[in-house]
Amino acid sequence: MKPVYRAFAHYALLASIALTSACSILPKADPQDVYRLPAAPNAAASTHANSVPWSLRLSKPQASDVLNSAKIAVIPQGDLISSYKASRWSDPTPILLRNRLLAGFAQDGRVQRLSTDDSNLQTDLELSGNLQAFQTEYQGNTAQVVISLDALLVRGNDQRILASRRFEVRQSLSDVKVPAVVTGFGQASDTLTAQVIAWTVEQGQKTATMKP
C-alpha cells in the first residue's frame, strides 16, 4: 500500500471513531405520543332540505406563539404556561381546530360548499378569527380544558367583517392523565363546533345576500 493511501485510510479510521464517539454521547430525543383531536362518533354526513346556497371557506385562526404549535398547552398555576412532556398534537393547534370545524360542518350538512385556506378558491363567506385559549387550566385540585375562539365571519369578495362573536367552552376533567385530557379536549371541541356552526349558519343567512 502506498504511503498516501495508508495515510488516507488512517485518517478515515480516526474520523469514523470520532463520529461514533460523538453519536454515543449525544442525548437521545424523548419519544413522544402523538394525539389526534377526538370527536364524538357520528352518523354519515346528512343532506339537509334547508341547505344554504352560499359557500364557506374555513381559515386557520390566528394564535400566539404558545398556541401556534403542536404542544398540548397547560397552565399548572397562575400565569405559568407549560406543555405536557412527551406528548403532542398531530398538527399545530390552529390547524387542529380548523379541521375539527370543517368535519363538523360536513357532518351537519347545511353548508355543503366548503373549502379551507389551503386552497385559493373564491367563496361567498369566510370563517376566521383568533384563538385565545386551547389549554388545560388548573384551579387548586381541579382541572379543566378551556377553548376560547374570537370568531369572525367575513365576506369573501372584499374581506368585510359581517359578524363576530367570542366562543368559550370549559370542560371539567376528572382525570389529569394525558389520554383523559385529550378526551376532554375532544368533548370541549365538540361543544364549540356545534355552537360555531349554529352561529355561522344563522349569520350567513342574514348577511350572505347583503349588497357591498
Protein backbone atom coordinates (compact mmCIF):
# COMPACT_ATOMS: atom_id res chain seq x y z
CA MET A 1 0.00 0.00 0.00
CA LYS A 2 1.41 3.34 -0.97
CA PRO A 3 2.11 5.86 1.84
CA VAL A 4 -0.58 8.28 0.62
CA TYR A 5 -3.23 5.52 0.71
CA ARG A 6 -2.07 4.37 4.16
CA ALA A 7 -2.34 7.93 5.44
CA PHE A 8 -5.83 8.34 3.94
CA ALA A 9 -7.01 5.08 5.50
CA HIS A 10 -5.56 6.13 8.85
CA TYR A 11 -7.38 9.49 8.85
CA ALA A 12 -10.62 7.88 7.67
CA LEU A 13 -10.45 5.43 10.58
CA LEU A 14 -9.85 8.25 13.06
CA ALA A 15 -12.77 10.23 11.63
CA SER A 16 -15.02 7.19 11.89
CA ILE A 17 -14.06 6.65 15.54
CA ALA A 18 -14.66 10.34 16.32
CA LEU A 19 -18.11 10.30 14.74
CA THR A 20 -19.03 7.10 16.56
CA SER A 21 -17.93 8.59 19.87
CA ALA A 22 -19.85 11.81 19.22
CA CYS A 23 -23.03 9.91 18.39
CA SER A 24 -22.74 7.87 21.56
CA ILE A 25 -22.65 10.93 23.82
CA LEU A 26 -25.42 12.96 22.13
CA PRO A 27 -28.66 12.99 24.15
CA LYS A 28 -31.41 10.84 22.70
CA ALA A 29 -34.69 12.55 21.91
CA ASP A 30 -37.53 11.55 24.21
CA PRO A 31 -40.21 9.51 22.42
CA GLN A 32 -43.46 11.40 22.02
CA ASP A 33 -47.06 10.25 21.95
CA VAL A 34 -48.93 11.93 19.09
CA TYR A 35 -52.64 12.57 19.62
CA ARG A 36 -55.47 13.39 17.25
CA LEU A 37 -58.24 15.68 18.42
CA PRO A 38 -61.04 13.18 19.10
CA ALA A 39 -64.63 13.76 18.09
CA ALA A 40 -67.80 12.08 19.20
CA PRO A 41 -68.85 9.27 16.82
CA ASN A 42 -71.47 10.48 14.37
CA ALA A 43 -73.53 9.08 11.56
CA ALA A 44 -72.60 9.76 7.97
CA ALA A 45 -72.93 13.35 6.77
CA SER A 46 -76.52 14.26 6.06
CA THR A 47 -78.11 16.38 3.35
CA HIS A 48 -80.49 18.94 4.80
CA ALA A 49 -83.52 20.08 2.88
CA ASN A 50 -82.67 23.57 4.11
CA SER A 51 -79.07 23.57 2.93
CA VAL A 52 -77.76 27.09 2.38
CA PRO A 53 -77.00 28.47 -1.10
CA TRP A 54 -73.68 30.09 -0.14
CA SER A 55 -70.15 28.72 0.09
CA LEU A 56 -67.82 28.93 3.08
CA ARG A 57 -64.06 28.88 3.50
CA LEU A 58 -62.63 27.93 6.88
CA SER A 59 -59.34 29.60 7.73
CA LYS A 60 -56.87 28.74 10.44
CA PRO A 61 -57.41 31.08 13.39
CA GLN A 62 -54.58 33.36 14.40
CA ALA A 63 -52.83 32.33 17.60
CA SER A 64 -49.99 33.30 19.90
CA ASP A 65 -46.61 31.59 19.59
CA VAL A 66 -47.52 29.33 22.51
CA LEU A 67 -50.71 28.07 20.87
CA ASN A 68 -49.40 28.09 17.31
CA SER A 69 -47.62 24.78 17.81
CA ALA A 70 -48.33 21.08 18.27
CA LYS A 71 -47.64 21.21 22.01
CA ILE A 72 -50.51 20.36 24.35
CA ALA A 73 -50.63 23.53 26.42
CA VAL A 74 -51.29 23.55 30.16
CA ILE A 75 -51.41 26.29 32.79
CA PRO A 76 -50.49 24.50 36.02
CA GLN A 77 -50.69 27.60 38.18
CA GLY A 78 -51.03 31.36 37.95
CA ASP A 79 -49.72 32.76 34.67
CA LEU A 80 -47.23 29.95 34.01
CA ILE A 81 -47.80 28.36 30.59
CA SER A 82 -46.24 24.95 30.01
CA SER A 83 -46.93 21.79 28.00
CA TYR A 84 -47.28 18.09 28.65
CA LYS A 85 -44.00 16.24 28.43
CA ALA A 86 -43.53 13.62 25.70
CA SER A 87 -46.97 14.32 24.19
CA ARG A 88 -48.12 16.49 21.30
CA TRP A 89 -50.96 17.04 18.87
CA SER A 90 -50.87 15.62 15.35
CA ASP A 91 -50.95 19.19 13.93
CA PRO A 92 -50.41 22.71 15.21
CA THR A 93 -53.41 23.78 17.28
CA PRO A 94 -54.92 26.27 14.75
CA ILE A 95 -54.95 23.58 12.04
CA LEU A 96 -56.31 21.04 14.52
CA LEU A 97 -59.27 23.27 15.38
CA ARG A 98 -59.91 24.35 11.78
CA ASN A 99 -60.05 20.73 10.65
CA ARG A 100 -62.37 19.85 13.54
CA LEU A 101 -64.72 22.66 12.47
CA LEU A 102 -64.53 21.51 8.84
CA ALA A 103 -65.51 17.98 9.86
CA GLY A 104 -68.36 19.39 11.93
CA PHE A 105 -69.74 21.47 9.06
CA ALA A 106 -69.50 18.47 6.73
CA GLN A 107 -71.33 16.32 9.27
CA ASP A 108 -74.02 18.96 9.82
CA GLY A 109 -74.70 19.16 6.09
CA ARG A 110 -76.32 22.57 5.86
CA VAL A 111 -73.25 24.22 4.35
CA GLN A 112 -72.31 21.90 1.52
CA ARG A 113 -69.83 24.04 -0.41
CA LEU A 114 -66.85 24.03 1.93
CA SER A 115 -63.16 24.77 1.47
CA THR A 116 -60.17 25.78 3.57
CA ASP A 117 -57.46 28.41 3.35
CA ASP A 118 -55.10 25.73 2.00
CA SER A 119 -56.82 26.32 -1.35
CA ASN A 120 -57.27 29.55 -3.27
CA LEU A 121 -60.93 29.06 -4.11
CA GLN A 122 -63.32 32.01 -4.26
CA THR A 123 -66.10 31.71 -1.69
CA ASP A 124 -69.06 33.78 -0.54
CA LEU A 125 -68.09 33.80 3.14
CA GLU A 126 -65.01 33.05 5.22
CA LEU A 127 -64.86 31.94 8.84
CA SER A 128 -61.69 33.01 10.62
CA GLY A 129 -60.75 34.51 13.95
CA ASN A 130 -58.31 34.47 16.84
CA LEU A 131 -57.67 31.50 19.10
CA GLN A 132 -57.35 32.91 22.61
CA ALA A 133 -57.15 29.66 24.59
CA PHE A 134 -56.64 25.99 23.87
CA GLN A 135 -55.23 24.56 27.06
CA THR A 136 -55.76 22.77 30.33
CA GLU A 137 -56.03 25.05 33.38
CA TYR A 138 -55.59 24.01 37.00
CA GLN A 139 -57.50 25.67 39.82
CA GLY A 140 -56.45 24.19 43.13
CA ASN A 141 -57.06 20.45 42.94
CA THR A 142 -59.32 20.65 39.90
CA ALA A 143 -58.52 20.98 36.21
CA GLN A 144 -60.48 21.89 33.11
CA VAL A 145 -59.96 22.22 29.38
CA VAL A 146 -60.50 25.76 28.10
CA ILE A 147 -61.07 26.63 24.44
CA SER A 148 -61.73 30.26 23.55
CA LEU A 149 -62.21 31.48 19.98
CA ASP A 150 -62.96 35.01 18.75
CA ALA A 151 -64.77 34.09 15.54
CA LEU A 152 -65.11 36.40 12.53
CA LEU A 153 -67.47 35.90 9.61
CA VAL A 154 -66.06 37.75 6.60
CA ARG A 155 -67.43 38.42 3.14
CA GLY A 156 -65.29 36.67 0.56
CA ASN A 157 -65.08 39.28 -2.20
CA ASP A 158 -63.94 42.26 -0.11
CA GLN A 159 -63.00 40.79 3.30
CA ARG A 160 -65.56 42.94 5.09
CA ILE A 161 -66.31 41.71 8.61
CA LEU A 162 -70.00 40.85 8.76
CA ALA A 163 -70.29 39.36 12.24
CA SER A 164 -68.11 38.47 15.23
CA ARG A 165 -68.55 36.58 18.46
CA ARG A 166 -66.46 35.08 21.24
CA PHE A 167 -66.99 31.40 21.97
CA GLU A 168 -65.62 29.89 25.17
CA VAL A 169 -66.06 26.33 26.38
CA ARG A 170 -64.85 24.89 29.69
CA GLN A 171 -64.79 21.13 30.14
CA SER A 172 -64.09 19.77 33.63
CA LEU A 173 -61.64 16.88 33.96
CA SER A 174 -61.94 14.03 36.45
CA ASP A 175 -58.54 12.61 35.45
CA VAL A 176 -55.45 14.64 34.61
CA LYS A 177 -53.51 11.94 32.79
CA VAL A 178 -52.79 12.90 29.19
CA PRO A 179 -55.23 10.45 27.49
CA ALA A 180 -58.07 11.74 29.68
CA VAL A 181 -57.02 15.33 28.98
CA VAL A 182 -57.12 14.63 25.24
CA THR A 183 -60.62 13.21 25.65
CA GLY A 184 -61.58 16.43 27.44
CA PHE A 185 -60.27 18.47 24.53
CA GLY A 186 -62.40 16.36 22.21
CA GLN A 187 -65.54 16.96 24.27
CA ALA A 188 -64.86 20.69 24.51
CA SER A 189 -64.18 20.96 20.78
CA ASP A 190 -67.44 19.13 20.01
CA THR A 191 -69.37 21.68 22.08
CA LEU A 192 -67.52 24.60 20.49
CA THR A 193 -68.04 23.21 16.99
CA ALA A 194 -71.80 22.90 17.47
CA GLN A 195 -72.00 26.47 18.72
CA VAL A 196 -69.88 27.87 15.88
CA ILE A 197 -71.88 26.01 13.23
CA ALA A 198 -75.22 27.25 14.56
CA TRP A 199 -73.97 30.85 14.72
CA THR A 200 -72.32 30.74 11.28
CA VAL A 201 -75.43 29.40 9.58
CA GLU A 202 -77.63 31.97 11.30
CA GLN A 203 -75.35 34.89 10.48
CA GLY A 204 -74.62 33.61 6.99
CA GLN A 205 -78.28 33.51 6.14
CA LYS A 206 -78.63 37.11 7.31
CA THR A 207 -75.59 38.52 5.57
CA ALA A 208 -74.71 36.43 2.51
CA THR A 209 -77.10 38.40 0.31
CA MET A 210 -76.10 41.83 1.58
CA LYS A 211 -75.01 44.22 -1.12
CA PRO A 212 -71.47 45.66 -0.90
